[in-house]
């Protein structure tokens, strides 16, 4: 049974330096929360990007996603000051970029 997934890619940000990698998406089924799978999945995604020569690493998170932001910050990711508006199911929200060097 699949409990989660992560998608990685080269960063498509206009201001990304060459070689920047991005954790484009990460998802863990709610019934799998609290078992240590999320941190392992994020670490595996970051390790995969680094093994393919990417550095630094970035990801985007909706500004109001406090749970997600705490998750990334516990793993050593930090906001880098970049933000962008996105259409989230018909509602405009801000995303903020996190970086891990």
N, C-alpha and C. Protein backbone atom coordinates (compact mmCIF):
# COMPACT_ATOMS: atom_id res chain seq x y z
N UNK A 1 0.84 -1.18 0.00
CA UNK A 1 0.00 0.00 0.00
C UNK A 1 0.88 1.24 0.00
N UNK A 2 0.60 2.18 -0.88
CA UNK A 2 1.33 3.44 -0.94
C UNK A 2 0.80 4.36 0.16
N UNK A 3 1.70 4.87 0.96
CA UNK A 3 1.32 5.78 2.04
C UNK A 3 1.67 7.23 1.72
N UNK A 4 2.54 7.43 0.73
CA UNK A 4 2.94 8.79 0.38
C UNK A 4 3.84 8.80 -0.83
N UNK A 5 4.15 10.00 -1.28
CA UNK A 5 5.06 10.16 -2.41
C UNK A 5 5.69 11.54 -2.34
N UNK A 6 6.79 11.69 -3.06
CA UNK A 6 7.45 12.99 -3.24
C UNK A 6 7.87 13.08 -4.70
N UNK A 7 7.77 14.28 -5.24
CA UNK A 7 8.20 14.55 -6.61
C UNK A 7 9.29 15.60 -6.57
N UNK A 8 10.41 15.33 -7.22
CA UNK A 8 11.52 16.28 -7.27
C UNK A 8 11.81 16.65 -8.71
N UNK A 9 12.45 17.79 -8.88
CA UNK A 9 12.80 18.26 -10.22
C UNK A 9 13.79 19.41 -10.11
N UNK A 10 14.39 19.82 -11.23
CA UNK A 10 15.17 21.06 -11.21
C UNK A 10 14.21 22.22 -10.93
N UNK A 11 14.68 23.20 -10.19
CA UNK A 11 13.84 24.35 -9.89
C UNK A 11 13.53 25.11 -11.17
N UNK A 12 12.28 25.55 -11.27
CA UNK A 12 11.85 26.36 -12.42
C UNK A 12 11.72 27.83 -12.05
N UNK A 13 12.17 28.20 -10.86
CA UNK A 13 12.08 29.59 -10.41
C UNK A 13 12.95 30.47 -11.30
N UNK A 14 12.43 31.64 -11.67
CA UNK A 14 13.15 32.55 -12.55
C UNK A 14 14.47 33.00 -11.93
N UNK A 15 14.54 33.08 -10.60
CA UNK A 15 15.76 33.56 -9.95
C UNK A 15 16.65 32.42 -9.44
N UNK A 16 16.36 31.19 -9.82
CA UNK A 16 17.14 30.05 -9.34
C UNK A 16 18.53 30.04 -9.96
N UNK A 17 19.52 29.82 -9.12
CA UNK A 17 20.87 29.66 -9.66
C UNK A 17 20.96 28.29 -10.32
N UNK A 18 21.84 28.13 -11.30
CA UNK A 18 21.98 26.83 -11.96
C UNK A 18 22.23 25.73 -10.93
N UNK A 19 21.60 24.59 -11.12
CA UNK A 19 21.79 23.45 -10.24
C UNK A 19 20.86 23.39 -9.05
N UNK A 20 19.93 24.36 -8.95
CA UNK A 20 18.99 24.34 -7.83
C UNK A 20 17.97 23.24 -8.05
N UNK A 21 17.76 22.44 -7.03
CA UNK A 21 16.77 21.37 -7.08
C UNK A 21 15.54 21.75 -6.27
N UNK A 22 14.41 21.15 -6.62
CA UNK A 22 13.15 21.49 -5.95
C UNK A 22 12.40 20.23 -5.54
N UNK A 23 11.93 20.22 -4.31
CA UNK A 23 10.93 19.24 -3.89
C UNK A 23 9.61 19.85 -4.33
N UNK A 24 9.11 19.36 -5.46
CA UNK A 24 7.93 19.96 -6.07
C UNK A 24 6.65 19.60 -5.33
N UNK A 25 6.56 18.37 -4.86
CA UNK A 25 5.39 17.97 -4.09
C UNK A 25 5.78 16.86 -3.12
N UNK A 26 5.08 16.82 -2.02
CA UNK A 26 5.25 15.75 -1.05
C UNK A 26 3.88 15.54 -0.41
N UNK A 27 3.51 14.28 -0.30
CA UNK A 27 2.19 13.95 0.26
C UNK A 27 2.32 12.69 1.09
N UNK A 28 1.67 12.72 2.23
CA UNK A 28 1.59 11.56 3.09
C UNK A 28 0.14 11.43 3.53
N UNK A 29 -0.43 10.24 3.37
CA UNK A 29 -1.82 10.00 3.76
C UNK A 29 -1.99 10.30 5.25
N UNK A 30 -3.07 10.98 5.63
CA UNK A 30 -3.26 11.34 7.04
C UNK A 30 -3.16 10.17 8.01
N UNK A 31 -3.61 9.00 7.59
CA UNK A 31 -3.53 7.85 8.50
C UNK A 31 -2.09 7.40 8.75
N UNK A 32 -1.14 7.92 7.96
CA UNK A 32 0.27 7.59 8.16
C UNK A 32 1.02 8.67 8.94
N UNK A 33 0.34 9.77 9.27
CA UNK A 33 0.98 10.85 10.03
C UNK A 33 1.39 10.36 11.41
N UNK A 34 2.45 10.95 11.94
CA UNK A 34 2.87 10.65 13.30
C UNK A 34 3.67 9.37 13.46
N UNK A 35 4.09 8.78 12.36
CA UNK A 35 4.84 7.51 12.41
C UNK A 35 6.28 7.67 11.95
N UNK A 36 6.70 8.91 11.68
CA UNK A 36 8.06 9.15 11.24
C UNK A 36 8.28 8.97 9.75
N UNK A 37 7.20 8.70 9.01
CA UNK A 37 7.34 8.49 7.56
C UNK A 37 7.58 9.80 6.82
N UNK A 38 6.93 10.88 7.24
CA UNK A 38 7.08 12.17 6.56
C UNK A 38 8.52 12.67 6.58
N UNK A 39 9.16 12.72 7.75
CA UNK A 39 10.56 13.16 7.76
C UNK A 39 11.47 12.26 6.92
N UNK A 40 11.21 10.96 6.93
CA UNK A 40 12.03 10.05 6.11
C UNK A 40 11.79 10.28 4.62
N UNK A 41 10.55 10.53 4.25
CA UNK A 41 10.23 10.79 2.84
C UNK A 41 10.89 12.08 2.38
N UNK A 42 10.80 13.14 3.18
CA UNK A 42 11.42 14.41 2.82
C UNK A 42 12.94 14.26 2.74
N UNK A 43 13.53 13.57 3.69
CA UNK A 43 14.98 13.36 3.67
C UNK A 43 15.39 12.56 2.44
N UNK A 44 14.60 11.56 2.08
CA UNK A 44 14.92 10.76 0.88
C UNK A 44 14.85 11.64 -0.37
N UNK A 45 13.82 12.50 -0.46
CA UNK A 45 13.70 13.38 -1.63
C UNK A 45 14.90 14.31 -1.72
N UNK A 46 15.31 14.89 -0.58
CA UNK A 46 16.47 15.79 -0.57
C UNK A 46 17.75 15.03 -0.92
N UNK A 47 17.91 13.84 -0.34
CA UNK A 47 19.10 13.03 -0.64
C UNK A 47 19.16 12.66 -2.12
N UNK A 48 18.00 12.35 -2.71
CA UNK A 48 17.95 12.02 -4.13
C UNK A 48 18.38 13.21 -4.98
N UNK A 49 17.88 14.40 -4.65
CA UNK A 49 18.29 15.59 -5.39
C UNK A 49 19.79 15.82 -5.28
N UNK A 50 20.32 15.72 -4.08
CA UNK A 50 21.76 15.94 -3.89
C UNK A 50 22.58 14.88 -4.64
N UNK A 51 22.12 13.64 -4.62
CA UNK A 51 22.84 12.57 -5.34
C UNK A 51 22.87 12.83 -6.83
N UNK A 52 21.89 13.57 -7.33
CA UNK A 52 21.85 13.91 -8.75
C UNK A 52 22.56 15.24 -9.02
N UNK A 53 23.23 15.80 -8.01
CA UNK A 53 24.05 16.99 -8.20
C UNK A 53 23.35 18.31 -7.95
N UNK A 54 22.17 18.29 -7.42
CA UNK A 54 21.45 19.54 -7.17
C UNK A 54 21.83 20.15 -5.83
N UNK A 55 22.01 21.45 -5.83
CA UNK A 55 22.23 22.24 -4.61
C UNK A 55 22.21 23.70 -5.04
N UNK A 56 21.58 24.56 -4.29
CA UNK A 56 20.79 24.31 -3.10
C UNK A 56 19.45 23.66 -3.45
N UNK A 57 18.63 23.41 -2.43
CA UNK A 57 17.32 22.82 -2.62
C UNK A 57 16.25 23.79 -2.15
N UNK A 58 15.11 23.80 -2.85
CA UNK A 58 14.01 24.68 -2.49
C UNK A 58 12.69 23.90 -2.53
N UNK A 59 11.70 24.48 -1.89
CA UNK A 59 10.32 24.00 -1.99
C UNK A 59 9.41 25.18 -1.69
N UNK A 60 8.18 25.07 -2.13
CA UNK A 60 7.18 26.12 -1.91
C UNK A 60 6.07 25.57 -1.02
N UNK A 61 5.57 26.41 -0.11
CA UNK A 61 4.51 26.01 0.80
C UNK A 61 3.54 27.18 0.95
N UNK A 62 2.26 26.87 1.03
CA UNK A 62 1.26 27.92 1.23
C UNK A 62 1.52 28.59 2.57
N UNK A 63 1.54 29.90 2.56
CA UNK A 63 1.91 30.67 3.75
C UNK A 63 1.07 30.28 4.98
N UNK A 64 -0.21 30.04 4.81
CA UNK A 64 -1.07 29.71 5.93
C UNK A 64 -1.03 28.25 6.36
N UNK A 65 -0.19 27.44 5.73
CA UNK A 65 -0.09 26.02 6.07
C UNK A 65 0.88 25.87 7.25
N UNK A 66 0.39 26.19 8.44
CA UNK A 66 1.25 26.18 9.62
C UNK A 66 1.82 24.80 9.91
N UNK A 67 1.01 23.77 9.75
CA UNK A 67 1.50 22.40 10.02
C UNK A 67 2.64 22.06 9.07
N UNK A 68 2.46 22.36 7.78
CA UNK A 68 3.50 22.09 6.80
C UNK A 68 4.76 22.89 7.07
N UNK A 69 4.60 24.15 7.43
CA UNK A 69 5.76 24.99 7.70
C UNK A 69 6.55 24.48 8.90
N UNK A 70 5.84 24.06 9.95
CA UNK A 70 6.54 23.49 11.11
C UNK A 70 7.29 22.22 10.72
N UNK A 71 6.66 21.40 9.88
CA UNK A 71 7.29 20.17 9.41
C UNK A 71 8.60 20.47 8.71
N UNK A 72 8.59 21.42 7.76
CA UNK A 72 9.79 21.75 7.01
C UNK A 72 10.85 22.37 7.92
N UNK A 73 10.43 23.24 8.82
CA UNK A 73 11.39 23.90 9.70
C UNK A 73 12.05 22.90 10.65
N UNK A 74 11.32 21.91 11.13
CA UNK A 74 11.93 20.87 11.97
C UNK A 74 13.00 20.11 11.19
N UNK A 75 12.85 20.02 9.88
CA UNK A 75 13.81 19.32 9.03
C UNK A 75 14.95 20.21 8.57
N UNK A 76 15.00 21.46 9.05
CA UNK A 76 16.11 22.34 8.72
C UNK A 76 15.90 23.27 7.54
N UNK A 77 14.70 23.27 6.95
CA UNK A 77 14.39 24.18 5.86
C UNK A 77 14.02 25.54 6.45
N UNK A 78 14.35 26.62 5.73
CA UNK A 78 14.08 27.97 6.20
C UNK A 78 13.51 28.83 5.07
N UNK A 79 12.56 29.74 5.40
CA UNK A 79 12.07 30.66 4.37
C UNK A 79 13.23 31.51 3.86
N UNK A 80 13.25 31.78 2.55
CA UNK A 80 14.34 32.59 2.00
C UNK A 80 13.88 33.97 1.54
N UNK A 81 12.62 34.31 1.83
CA UNK A 81 12.12 35.64 1.50
C UNK A 81 11.33 35.72 0.21
N UNK A 82 11.39 34.71 -0.64
CA UNK A 82 10.64 34.73 -1.89
C UNK A 82 9.19 34.32 -1.63
N UNK A 83 8.29 34.94 -2.36
CA UNK A 83 6.87 34.61 -2.25
C UNK A 83 6.22 34.78 -3.61
N UNK A 84 5.11 34.07 -3.79
CA UNK A 84 4.38 34.17 -5.05
C UNK A 84 2.90 33.87 -4.80
N UNK A 85 2.02 34.56 -5.51
CA UNK A 85 0.60 34.23 -5.40
C UNK A 85 0.28 33.04 -6.30
N UNK A 86 -0.61 32.17 -5.84
CA UNK A 86 -1.07 31.06 -6.67
C UNK A 86 -2.58 30.94 -6.55
N UNK A 87 -3.18 30.39 -7.57
CA UNK A 87 -4.61 30.11 -7.56
C UNK A 87 -4.80 28.73 -6.95
N UNK A 88 -5.40 28.68 -5.78
CA UNK A 88 -5.62 27.42 -5.07
C UNK A 88 -7.11 27.13 -5.09
N UNK A 89 -7.54 26.39 -6.10
CA UNK A 89 -8.95 26.03 -6.25
C UNK A 89 -9.86 27.26 -6.29
N UNK A 90 -9.43 28.26 -7.06
CA UNK A 90 -10.23 29.46 -7.25
C UNK A 90 -10.00 30.56 -6.22
N UNK A 91 -9.12 30.32 -5.27
CA UNK A 91 -8.80 31.32 -4.25
C UNK A 91 -7.33 31.67 -4.36
N UNK A 92 -7.02 32.95 -4.43
CA UNK A 92 -5.62 33.36 -4.50
C UNK A 92 -5.00 33.32 -3.11
N UNK A 93 -3.89 32.60 -3.00
CA UNK A 93 -3.14 32.50 -1.74
C UNK A 93 -1.67 32.74 -2.04
N UNK A 94 -0.91 33.07 -1.02
CA UNK A 94 0.52 33.26 -1.17
C UNK A 94 1.27 32.01 -0.79
N UNK A 95 2.26 31.68 -1.59
CA UNK A 95 3.21 30.63 -1.25
C UNK A 95 4.52 31.31 -0.86
N UNK A 96 5.24 30.69 0.04
CA UNK A 96 6.56 31.17 0.38
C UNK A 96 7.57 30.06 0.09
N UNK A 97 8.75 30.50 -0.30
CA UNK A 97 9.78 29.53 -0.67
C UNK A 97 10.68 29.22 0.53
N UNK A 98 10.95 27.94 0.69
CA UNK A 98 11.89 27.48 1.70
C UNK A 98 13.13 26.97 1.00
N UNK A 99 14.26 27.09 1.68
CA UNK A 99 15.55 26.69 1.10
C UNK A 99 16.28 25.80 2.11
N UNK A 100 17.04 24.86 1.55
CA UNK A 100 17.91 24.01 2.35
C UNK A 100 19.24 23.94 1.62
N UNK A 101 20.28 24.47 2.24
CA UNK A 101 21.60 24.51 1.59
C UNK A 101 22.42 23.28 1.91
